[in-house]
């Protein structure tokens, strides 16, 4: 039984290590720490709870003391509590401050029409699907009127088939448009990203990702250099999406080489406002082409 207590202590150290990495170390250490907190700990807690409940049942039958099992049960409860983070019952943003995440970049609008920020910004309440993940900490979902219509027809959404332009100068490192667009509101998801264009930013060595593009609409290939305003493709409804929109985010790691999309360090992403001042628009705000002088 002492050995089981030692295992509980090791699991507690894993909890502390995960939180230390996410809260104070940051970088990829923080990314992996967050993965431990949201996925590994709840799974370990479930297994450890079952094992210890079996031991409790055995000891009750034998009328033995349960003292040494109390620590194990408490640790199991702590581990299982992290499941609330996994399912976002506790919607906690990945705990890194903008000031500690560099470099940030400022980009132009990727459209020639006004777009609405469906999700975006630093706060979890206005960016719930993204801010809880390290790679998408400051990601945006952009839509156009009309949106949130509930229609199953992609054509009923304002952003459907809109042209997407390069929001900054960069090098195309990957481009794909062979995935079929799905019916809005359906669960026929084939991948997370859908069709995409990934850009490397020479000035920073970081990467800009544009996802959920329309099938057979991408106009660039890997290796091409693009300038701000060059056509990249059109908005579709491919990948993990409830309705047509453009997902865009900035990250440090090359997305081509990451094992999982969430295993990357997200970085701040700003848009030029009407006065060409860098800003981070939030849910419900407009991003207009006028902001880049088009």
Foldseek 3Di string as FASTA:
>chain_A
DVVLLVVLVVLVVLLVQLCCQQAPVDDLSVQVSLVCLQPVLLVVLVVLQVVLVVVVVVCVVVVHDCVSSVSSNVSSVVSNVSPCLNVVVVQDFRNDDQVRFDDEDAWAAQAQFKKFFQAFDQDCVQHVVFRSFQARVGKTWIFHPPPPPPDQDQVNGPQFFGWTWARFKFFWAAWDAAFAAHGAQDPPADAAFFTWTKTQDVVGRKIKIKGQFHHPFADDGGGDIDGTGHTGGGWGHHHPHNGTTIMMFIWHDDPVPDPDSRSTGTHHYFYQALVRDTDIDTGGDMRHNNSVPD
